[in-house]
Amino acid sequence: MRSTRPSFSGMRGRRRVLAVAGLAAALTLTATACESGDDNAADKPAATGSGASGGDKIEIPADIADRLKEHGIDVDDWKDGEWKNWDKDKWLTEAEDFVNPVIEGLWKPERMKSAKDPDKTISTKDASADQGVSDPAPAPVTATREETPYHDNAAPVGKVFFDSPEGSMVCSGTVVKDPRNPGKSNLVWTAGHCVHAGGGGGWYRNIAFVPAYNDLGKSEAELGNATQQEISPYGQYWADWASTSNEWIQGGSESGGDGAAYDYAVLHVKPESGSKSLEETVGTALDVDFSTPAAADAGTMGAWGYPAAPPYNGLIMHKCVDRPGRLSLSPSLPTMYRIGCTMTGGSSGGGWFRVVDGKTVLVSNTSIGPTDNTWLAGPQLGQGAKTLFDNMSKEYGAK
């Protein structure tokens, strides 16, 4: 892997430092509340999943129960552990067959801590090949720990948990604003590979979002006997609707594949208990920037997430801030953004932010990186992403 991006020095370096500080400060200002999760405390059209719900008791709506039965799955067996069966005949592979009924208490602290990263890596050979408009690989930027408490410094960021055929997995996600439900959004932005396996696979199961996971940034030893409140201070929010791109569903692969340039997803979530919206709970949400600014004109970008592969353990939120370059995996695919960053798998799906007119907005999400963990790449969020997002807000936002 070549690391030929020049270092910043002199006045140019000073501008970079100021830009980094400005982005971090803008993100800090997004935190406005701290409450518990319950009432007391140019793409193709997007593919959209179907719904599920649940409450204090495990209840599966009739339409979802019928859909499970269509696939030969008994509803009671599903609640008792049938979801662990990944038989190809029962793994729901069609976009409209996303089902994710709440299983209260499934994501216990130990289960969350043991979740693995769905690492999406690209080989050095593929990344450095002359594929058109790629800029030189950026110099590595060492990921730094986010200041605690997270709800004061990066309130919209959290972790996405899900079950795959390989076991329990973890990604990162961001609370984003719902234009049709101002102040009460239940939308989470993440990566497509955090909700669907891509070509030849299906929808993952038991998808849940935990805002401000490990809010105080405690170490593994300190969390040895952690309570649910310490791990997920604002509760758990289960995905009852999911959308990702057709390109990811059809072309996504272990190394990103042709779907990497479209590797984004939106979740509509509901609290495992209580009724307060996600945005009300965390006190903030970010707008999504669908303007696809050119890398050279985009200014500084920052990626936030919870890296879980060594040398990280997935417990601590980290961030990288850099000026983006371009990564082209194929002349036939949209160019991706690329920044220097040492974060590893687990940070997948985490939001990329930039400041526009003094306001922090989400402009991309972490998709793939190289095996030596020196940079991250994320998709441009163009018309296809906007259509996916608008459909999610219009059709499911008020549910």
Protein backbone atom coordinates (compact mmCIF):
# COMPACT_ATOMS: atom_id res chain seq x y z
CA MET A 1 0.00 0.00 0.00
CA ARG A 2 1.41 3.36 -0.95
CA SER A 3 1.08 6.22 1.52
CA THR A 4 2.10 9.09 -0.69
CA ARG A 5 -0.25 11.77 0.58
CA PRO A 6 1.96 14.72 1.60
CA SER A 7 1.98 15.83 5.22
CA PHE A 8 0.67 19.27 6.12
CA SER A 9 3.14 21.86 7.34
CA GLY A 10 3.40 25.57 7.90
CA MET A 11 0.26 27.64 7.23
CA ARG A 12 -1.33 24.74 5.39
CA GLY A 13 -0.92 22.62 8.51
CA ARG A 14 -2.39 25.37 10.67
CA ARG A 15 -5.47 25.55 8.47
CA ARG A 16 -5.89 21.79 8.79
CA VAL A 17 -5.66 21.93 12.60
CA LEU A 18 -8.23 24.72 12.74
CA ALA A 19 -10.56 22.80 10.44
CA VAL A 20 -10.26 19.68 12.60
CA ALA A 21 -10.96 21.66 15.75
CA GLY A 22 -13.92 23.36 14.10
CA LEU A 23 -15.50 20.08 13.09
CA ALA A 24 -15.05 18.57 16.54
CA ALA A 25 -16.47 21.67 18.19
CA ALA A 26 -19.47 21.73 15.88
CA LEU A 27 -20.23 18.11 16.66
CA THR A 28 -19.94 18.76 20.39
CA LEU A 29 -22.60 21.44 20.15
CA THR A 30 -25.15 18.94 18.86
CA ALA A 31 -25.76 17.49 22.32
CA THR A 32 -28.73 19.20 23.98
CA ALA A 33 -30.31 16.61 26.23
CA CYS A 34 -29.55 13.55 28.32
CA GLU A 35 -32.46 11.30 29.12
CA SER A 36 -33.12 7.61 29.62
CA GLY A 37 -34.63 5.47 26.89
CA ASP A 38 -37.99 5.12 28.57
CA ASP A 39 -40.58 7.63 29.66
CA ASN A 40 -39.16 7.92 33.11
CA ALA A 41 -35.52 8.13 32.55
CA ALA A 42 -27.34 8.77 -9.09
CA ASP A 43 -28.30 5.43 -8.08
CA LYS A 44 -31.00 2.86 -8.70
CA PRO A 45 -34.15 2.89 -6.61
CA ALA A 46 -33.59 1.75 -3.03
CA ALA A 47 -34.75 -1.56 -1.63
CA THR A 48 -36.92 -1.35 1.45
CA GLY A 49 -37.48 -3.91 4.16
CA SER A 50 -40.81 -4.66 5.80
CA GLY A 51 -41.83 -4.05 9.40
CA ALA A 52 -41.84 -5.63 12.82
CA SER A 53 -42.73 -4.52 16.28
CA GLY A 54 -42.80 -5.59 19.91
CA GLY A 55 -43.22 -4.38 23.46
CA ASP A 56 -42.65 -5.59 26.99
CA LYS A 57 -43.98 -8.96 25.87
CA ILE A 58 -42.71 -10.51 22.68
CA GLU A 59 -45.48 -9.92 20.19
CA ILE A 60 -45.20 -10.38 16.45
CA PRO A 61 -47.78 -8.52 14.31
CA ALA A 62 -50.08 -10.72 12.27
CA ASP A 63 -48.63 -9.67 8.90
CA ILE A 64 -45.11 -10.51 10.02
CA ALA A 65 -46.24 -13.75 11.61
CA ASP A 66 -47.86 -14.68 8.30
CA ARG A 67 -44.66 -13.83 6.44
CA LEU A 68 -42.63 -16.01 8.77
CA LYS A 69 -45.08 -18.86 8.23
CA GLU A 70 -44.74 -18.44 4.48
CA HIS A 71 -41.07 -19.29 4.93
CA GLY A 72 -41.87 -22.32 7.07
CA ILE A 73 -41.01 -20.62 10.35
CA ASP A 74 -43.21 -21.11 13.40
CA VAL A 75 -43.76 -17.83 15.26
CA ASP A 76 -43.40 -19.33 18.73
CA ASP A 77 -40.29 -21.21 17.65
CA TRP A 78 -38.84 -17.95 16.28
CA LYS A 79 -39.21 -16.26 19.65
CA ASP A 80 -37.70 -19.30 21.36
CA GLY A 81 -34.57 -19.28 19.21
CA GLU A 82 -35.55 -20.28 15.67
CA TRP A 83 -33.94 -17.02 14.50
CA LYS A 84 -30.60 -18.81 15.00
CA ASN A 85 -31.43 -21.16 12.11
CA TRP A 86 -29.71 -19.85 8.99
CA ASP A 87 -30.83 -22.65 6.69
CA LYS A 88 -30.72 -21.27 3.15
CA ASP A 89 -34.37 -22.21 2.63
CA LYS A 90 -35.38 -20.10 5.64
CA TRP A 91 -32.94 -17.20 5.37
CA LEU A 92 -35.05 -14.35 4.05
CA THR A 93 -33.20 -13.05 1.01
CA GLU A 94 -35.75 -10.85 -0.73
CA ALA A 95 -35.72 -7.15 0.12
CA GLU A 96 -39.38 -7.12 1.08
CA ASP A 97 -38.86 -9.99 3.51
CA PHE A 98 -36.99 -8.13 6.25
CA VAL A 99 -38.45 -9.14 9.61
CA ASN A 100 -37.04 -8.13 12.99
CA PRO A 101 -39.46 -8.72 15.88
CA VAL A 102 -38.28 -7.46 19.26
CA ILE A 103 -36.85 -10.11 21.56
CA GLU A 104 -36.64 -8.26 24.85
CA GLY A 105 -33.51 -8.91 26.87
CA LEU A 106 -31.63 -10.60 24.00
CA TRP A 107 -28.88 -7.98 23.85
CA LYS A 108 -27.47 -8.34 27.36
CA PRO A 109 -24.19 -6.57 28.28
CA GLU A 110 -22.03 -9.66 27.83
CA ARG A 111 -23.63 -10.48 24.49
CA MET A 112 -23.01 -6.95 23.27
CA LYS A 113 -19.39 -7.01 24.42
CA SER A 114 -18.75 -10.30 22.62
CA ALA A 115 -20.17 -9.15 19.26
CA LYS A 116 -17.59 -9.24 16.45
CA ASP A 117 -16.89 -6.79 13.65
CA PRO A 118 -18.14 -7.55 10.11
CA ASP A 119 -14.82 -6.41 8.67
CA LYS A 120 -14.97 -5.37 5.03
CA THR A 121 -11.46 -5.16 3.63
CA ILE A 122 -10.05 -4.62 0.18
CA SER A 123 -6.70 -5.99 -0.89
CA THR A 124 -3.71 -3.71 -1.31
CA LYS A 125 -3.49 -4.77 -4.95
CA ASP A 126 -7.09 -3.81 -5.68
CA ALA A 127 -6.85 -0.53 -3.81
CA SER A 128 -3.64 0.61 -5.49
CA ALA A 129 -4.51 -0.47 -9.02
CA ASP A 130 -4.88 2.26 -11.59
CA GLN A 131 -8.67 2.39 -11.84
CA GLY A 132 -9.22 5.86 -13.18
CA VAL A 133 -9.80 8.68 -10.75
CA SER A 134 -8.33 7.43 -7.46
CA ASP A 135 -6.11 9.88 -5.63
CA PRO A 136 -2.92 8.66 -3.92
CA ALA A 137 -3.60 6.73 -0.74
CA PRO A 138 -3.76 9.11 2.23
CA ALA A 139 -1.25 9.10 5.04
CA PRO A 140 -2.62 7.20 8.05
CA VAL A 141 -4.43 9.32 10.64
CA THR A 142 -4.32 7.81 14.12
CA ALA A 143 -7.82 7.44 15.56
CA THR A 144 -8.33 9.33 18.80
CA ARG A 145 -10.73 8.57 21.63
CA GLU A 146 -13.86 10.69 21.86
CA GLU A 147 -14.20 12.66 25.07
CA THR A 148 -16.67 11.42 27.64
CA PRO A 149 -19.51 11.49 28.37
CA TYR A 150 -20.37 10.74 24.78
CA HIS A 151 -23.80 12.33 25.08
CA ASP A 152 -22.05 15.68 25.58
CA ASN A 153 -19.54 15.30 22.75
CA ALA A 154 -20.96 13.02 20.04
CA ALA A 155 -24.58 12.50 21.01
CA PRO A 156 -25.88 11.17 17.66
CA VAL A 157 -23.35 8.28 17.53
CA GLY A 158 -24.03 4.74 18.75
CA LYS A 159 -23.57 1.05 18.01
CA VAL A 160 -25.62 -1.24 15.78
CA PHE A 161 -25.89 -4.87 16.90
CA PHE A 162 -27.16 -7.76 14.79
CA ASP A 163 -26.99 -11.52 14.36
CA SER A 164 -25.50 -13.10 11.24
CA PRO A 165 -24.79 -16.71 10.23
CA GLU A 166 -21.30 -16.19 11.69
CA GLY A 167 -22.63 -15.05 15.07
CA SER A 168 -23.29 -11.75 16.82
CA MET A 169 -21.89 -8.72 15.00
CA VAL A 170 -21.49 -5.01 15.64
CA CYS A 171 -21.35 -1.85 13.54
CA SER A 172 -21.72 1.87 14.23
CA GLY A 173 -24.56 4.23 13.37
CA THR A 174 -25.80 7.82 13.61
CA VAL A 175 -29.13 9.35 14.60
CA VAL A 176 -30.35 11.45 11.64
CA LYS A 177 -33.22 13.90 11.37
CA ASP A 178 -36.57 12.85 9.95
CA PRO A 179 -37.98 15.75 7.90
CA ARG A 180 -41.55 14.52 8.43
CA ASN A 181 -41.16 14.13 12.19
CA PRO A 182 -39.19 17.17 13.37
CA GLY A 183 -37.70 16.69 16.81
CA LYS A 184 -38.96 13.11 17.02
CA SER A 185 -36.84 11.16 14.57
CA ASN A 186 -36.46 7.40 14.85
CA LEU A 187 -34.05 7.11 11.91
CA VAL A 188 -30.50 5.71 12.10
CA TRP A 189 -27.96 5.90 9.27
CA THR A 190 -25.49 3.02 8.90
CA ALA A 191 -23.88 0.81 6.23
CA GLY A 192 -25.70 -1.62 3.98
CA HIS A 193 -23.41 -4.44 5.09
CA CYS A 194 -24.62 -3.92 8.65
CA VAL A 195 -28.17 -4.94 7.73
CA HIS A 196 -27.84 -7.23 4.70
CA ALA A 197 -25.16 -9.72 3.62
CA GLY A 198 -25.14 -8.58 -0.01
CA GLY A 199 -25.11 -10.81 -3.08
CA GLY A 200 -26.15 -14.38 -2.27
CA GLY A 201 -27.12 -13.54 1.29
CA GLY A 202 -30.04 -12.09 3.17
CA TRP A 203 -31.18 -9.71 5.86
CA TYR A 204 -29.50 -9.97 9.23
CA ARG A 205 -31.54 -10.53 12.37
CA ASN A 206 -32.13 -8.96 15.76
CA ILE A 207 -30.89 -5.55 14.59
CA ALA A 208 -30.77 -3.03 17.44
CA PHE A 209 -29.22 0.41 17.93
CA VAL A 210 -27.68 1.52 21.24
CA PRO A 211 -27.09 5.30 21.40
CA ALA A 212 -24.08 6.49 23.44
CA TYR A 213 -22.94 2.92 24.08
CA ASN A 214 -20.64 2.85 27.15
CA ASP A 215 -21.30 6.57 27.63
CA LEU A 216 -18.51 7.06 30.17
CA GLY A 217 -15.89 5.21 28.10
CA LYS A 218 -15.13 2.63 30.76
CA SER A 219 -12.48 -0.02 30.21
CA GLU A 220 -13.19 -3.71 29.78
CA ALA A 221 -12.10 -4.34 33.37
CA GLU A 222 -14.37 -1.58 34.65
CA LEU A 223 -17.25 -3.07 32.70
CA GLY A 224 -16.61 -6.57 34.03
CA ASN A 225 -19.82 -6.52 36.02
CA ALA A 226 -21.53 -3.77 34.09
CA THR A 227 -25.25 -3.27 34.36
CA GLN A 228 -27.50 -2.75 31.37
CA GLN A 229 -27.75 0.93 32.33
CA GLU A 230 -23.97 1.39 32.20
CA ILE A 231 -23.69 -0.26 28.78
CA SER A 232 -26.80 1.24 27.18
CA PRO A 233 -27.72 4.31 29.26
CA TYR A 234 -30.49 5.39 26.90
CA GLY A 235 -31.94 1.98 26.20
CA GLN A 236 -32.03 -0.15 23.08
CA TYR A 237 -33.86 0.71 19.88
CA TRP A 238 -34.86 -2.17 17.63
CA ALA A 239 -35.13 -1.80 13.87
CA ASP A 240 -38.71 -2.34 12.77
CA TRP A 241 -37.98 -1.19 9.20
CA ALA A 242 -34.77 -1.32 7.17
CA SER A 243 -33.71 -0.03 3.75
CA THR A 244 -30.54 -0.48 1.78
CA SER A 245 -29.65 -0.12 -1.89
CA ASN A 246 -30.44 -2.70 -4.55
CA GLU A 247 -26.80 -2.38 -5.60
CA TRP A 248 -25.63 -3.60 -2.19
CA ILE A 249 -28.20 -6.41 -2.07
CA GLN A 250 -27.19 -7.62 -5.52
CA GLY A 251 -23.45 -6.83 -5.62
CA GLY A 252 -22.15 -6.54 -2.07
CA SER A 253 -19.42 -8.97 -0.98
CA GLU A 254 -16.91 -9.69 1.78
CA SER A 255 -14.48 -7.21 0.20
CA GLY A 256 -17.17 -4.68 -0.62
CA GLY A 257 -17.53 -5.72 -4.23
CA ASP A 258 -19.51 -3.69 -6.73
CA GLY A 259 -21.92 -2.80 -3.93
CA ALA A 260 -19.35 -0.86 -1.88
CA ALA A 261 -20.07 2.41 -3.66
CA TYR A 262 -23.72 2.00 -2.58
CA ASP A 263 -23.01 0.61 0.89
CA TYR A 264 -25.47 2.64 2.96
CA ALA A 265 -28.66 1.90 4.88
CA VAL A 266 -31.35 3.56 6.96
CA LEU A 267 -33.10 2.00 9.94
CA HIS A 268 -36.40 3.02 11.46
CA VAL A 269 -36.25 2.04 15.11
CA LYS A 270 -38.51 1.82 18.15
CA PRO A 271 -37.58 1.57 21.83
CA GLU A 272 -37.47 -1.88 23.39
CA SER A 273 -39.47 -0.33 26.22
CA GLY A 274 -41.17 3.04 26.60
CA SER A 275 -42.46 5.28 23.84
CA LYS A 276 -40.08 8.23 23.56
CA SER A 277 -38.50 8.75 20.13
CA LEU A 278 -34.80 8.22 19.57
CA GLU A 279 -34.15 11.89 18.87
CA GLU A 280 -35.98 12.94 22.04
CA THR A 281 -33.98 10.42 24.03
CA VAL A 282 -30.51 11.48 22.87
CA GLY A 283 -31.47 15.13 22.43
CA THR A 284 -30.22 15.60 18.88
CA ALA A 285 -30.02 14.28 15.32
CA LEU A 286 -28.06 15.31 12.22
CA ASP A 287 -29.21 16.32 8.76
CA VAL A 288 -27.99 14.18 5.86
CA ASP A 289 -26.05 15.96 3.09
CA PHE A 290 -27.02 14.50 -0.30
CA SER A 291 -25.15 17.12 -2.35
CA THR A 292 -22.22 14.75 -3.13
CA PRO A 293 -19.55 17.45 -2.93
CA ALA A 294 -16.39 16.73 -4.89
CA ALA A 295 -13.63 15.47 -2.62
CA ALA A 296 -11.46 18.46 -3.46
CA ASP A 297 -14.27 20.85 -2.47
CA ALA A 298 -15.74 19.00 0.50
CA GLY A 299 -13.40 20.42 3.11
CA THR A 300 -12.53 18.45 6.20
CA MET A 301 -14.44 15.28 7.03
CA GLY A 302 -14.50 13.30 10.25
CA ALA A 303 -15.43 9.64 10.76
CA TRP A 304 -16.84 8.53 14.12
CA GLY A 305 -17.40 4.97 15.31
CA TYR A 306 -16.60 2.11 17.64
CA PRO A 307 -13.67 0.10 16.15
CA ALA A 308 -13.83 -3.47 17.42
CA ALA A 309 -11.01 -5.36 15.68
CA PRO A 310 -7.52 -5.29 17.29
CA PRO A 311 -5.94 -3.16 18.58
CA TYR A 312 -9.39 -1.88 19.61
CA ASN A 313 -12.03 -3.76 21.57
CA GLY A 314 -15.26 -2.07 20.49
CA LEU A 315 -15.94 -0.45 23.85
CA ILE A 316 -14.60 3.03 23.15
CA MET A 317 -15.80 5.60 20.61
CA HIS A 318 -13.06 6.93 18.34
CA LYS A 319 -12.78 9.47 15.54
CA CYS A 320 -10.52 10.42 12.63
CA VAL A 321 -10.49 13.79 10.87
CA ASP A 322 -8.85 14.38 7.48
CA ARG A 323 -9.34 16.02 4.11
CA PRO A 324 -10.84 13.42 1.74
CA GLY A 325 -9.48 12.10 -1.52
CA ARG A 326 -11.11 9.94 -4.18
CA LEU A 327 -11.22 6.15 -4.41
CA SER A 328 -12.47 4.49 -7.58
CA LEU A 329 -13.03 0.74 -7.49
CA SER A 330 -14.14 0.67 -11.12
CA PRO A 331 -14.67 3.21 -13.90
CA SER A 332 -18.32 2.08 -13.98
CA LEU A 333 -18.94 2.84 -10.29
CA PRO A 334 -19.33 6.18 -8.47
CA THR A 335 -16.20 7.49 -6.82
CA MET A 336 -15.99 6.95 -3.05
CA TYR A 337 -14.54 9.32 -0.45
CA ARG A 338 -11.32 8.19 1.27
CA ILE A 339 -9.61 9.53 4.39
CA GLY A 340 -6.61 8.44 6.42
CA CYS A 341 -7.75 6.56 9.52
CA THR A 342 -6.54 3.65 11.65
CA MET A 343 -10.00 2.58 12.84
CA THR A 344 -10.80 -1.08 12.21
CA GLY A 345 -13.94 -3.15 11.68
CA GLY A 346 -16.77 -2.26 14.03
CA SER A 347 -16.50 1.34 12.94
CA SER A 348 -18.35 0.24 9.79
CA GLY A 349 -21.53 2.21 9.27
CA GLY A 350 -20.29 5.06 11.44
CA GLY A 351 -21.13 8.51 10.13
CA TRP A 352 -18.79 10.83 8.27
CA PHE A 353 -19.45 14.45 9.15
CA ARG A 354 -18.54 17.82 7.72
CA VAL A 355 -19.51 21.37 8.63
CA VAL A 356 -21.69 23.34 6.20
CA ASP A 357 -22.57 26.92 7.08
CA GLY A 358 -21.64 26.28 10.69
CA LYS A 359 -23.79 23.15 10.99
CA THR A 360 -22.55 19.56 11.25
CA VAL A 361 -24.13 17.24 8.67
CA LEU A 362 -23.69 13.57 7.76
CA VAL A 363 -22.08 13.23 4.34
CA SER A 364 -21.08 9.55 4.19
CA ASN A 365 -20.52 6.41 6.28
CA THR A 366 -17.65 4.00 6.74
CA SER A 367 -17.81 1.15 4.22
CA ILE A 368 -14.45 -0.48 3.48
CA GLY A 369 -10.77 -0.21 4.38
CA PRO A 370 -7.49 -1.97 3.57
CA THR A 371 -6.09 -4.94 5.47
CA ASP A 372 -3.41 -2.73 7.04
CA ASN A 373 -6.03 -0.32 8.48
CA THR A 374 -4.47 2.90 7.20
CA TRP A 375 -7.54 4.47 5.62
CA LEU A 376 -11.33 4.26 5.35
CA ALA A 377 -13.62 4.73 2.35
CA GLY A 378 -17.27 5.73 2.29
CA PRO A 379 -19.90 6.13 -0.45
CA GLN A 380 -21.11 9.38 -1.91
CA LEU A 381 -24.74 9.86 -0.93
CA GLY A 382 -26.40 10.80 -4.18
CA GLN A 383 -29.90 10.62 -5.62
CA GLY A 384 -30.32 6.91 -4.87
CA ALA A 385 -29.46 7.46 -1.22
CA LYS A 386 -31.81 10.43 -1.05
CA THR A 387 -34.64 8.40 -2.57
CA LEU A 388 -34.04 5.63 -0.05
CA PHE A 389 -34.07 8.15 2.79
CA ASP A 390 -37.14 10.03 1.56
CA ASN A 391 -39.10 6.80 1.11
CA MET A 392 -38.15 5.72 4.61
CA SER A 393 -39.34 9.01 6.09
CA LYS A 394 -42.51 9.10 4.02
CA GLU A 395 -43.63 5.50 4.40
CA TYR A 396 -42.39 4.54 7.86
CA GLY A 397 -41.34 7.63 9.76
CA ALA A 398 -44.69 8.17 11.44
CA LYS A 399 -45.24 4.52 12.36
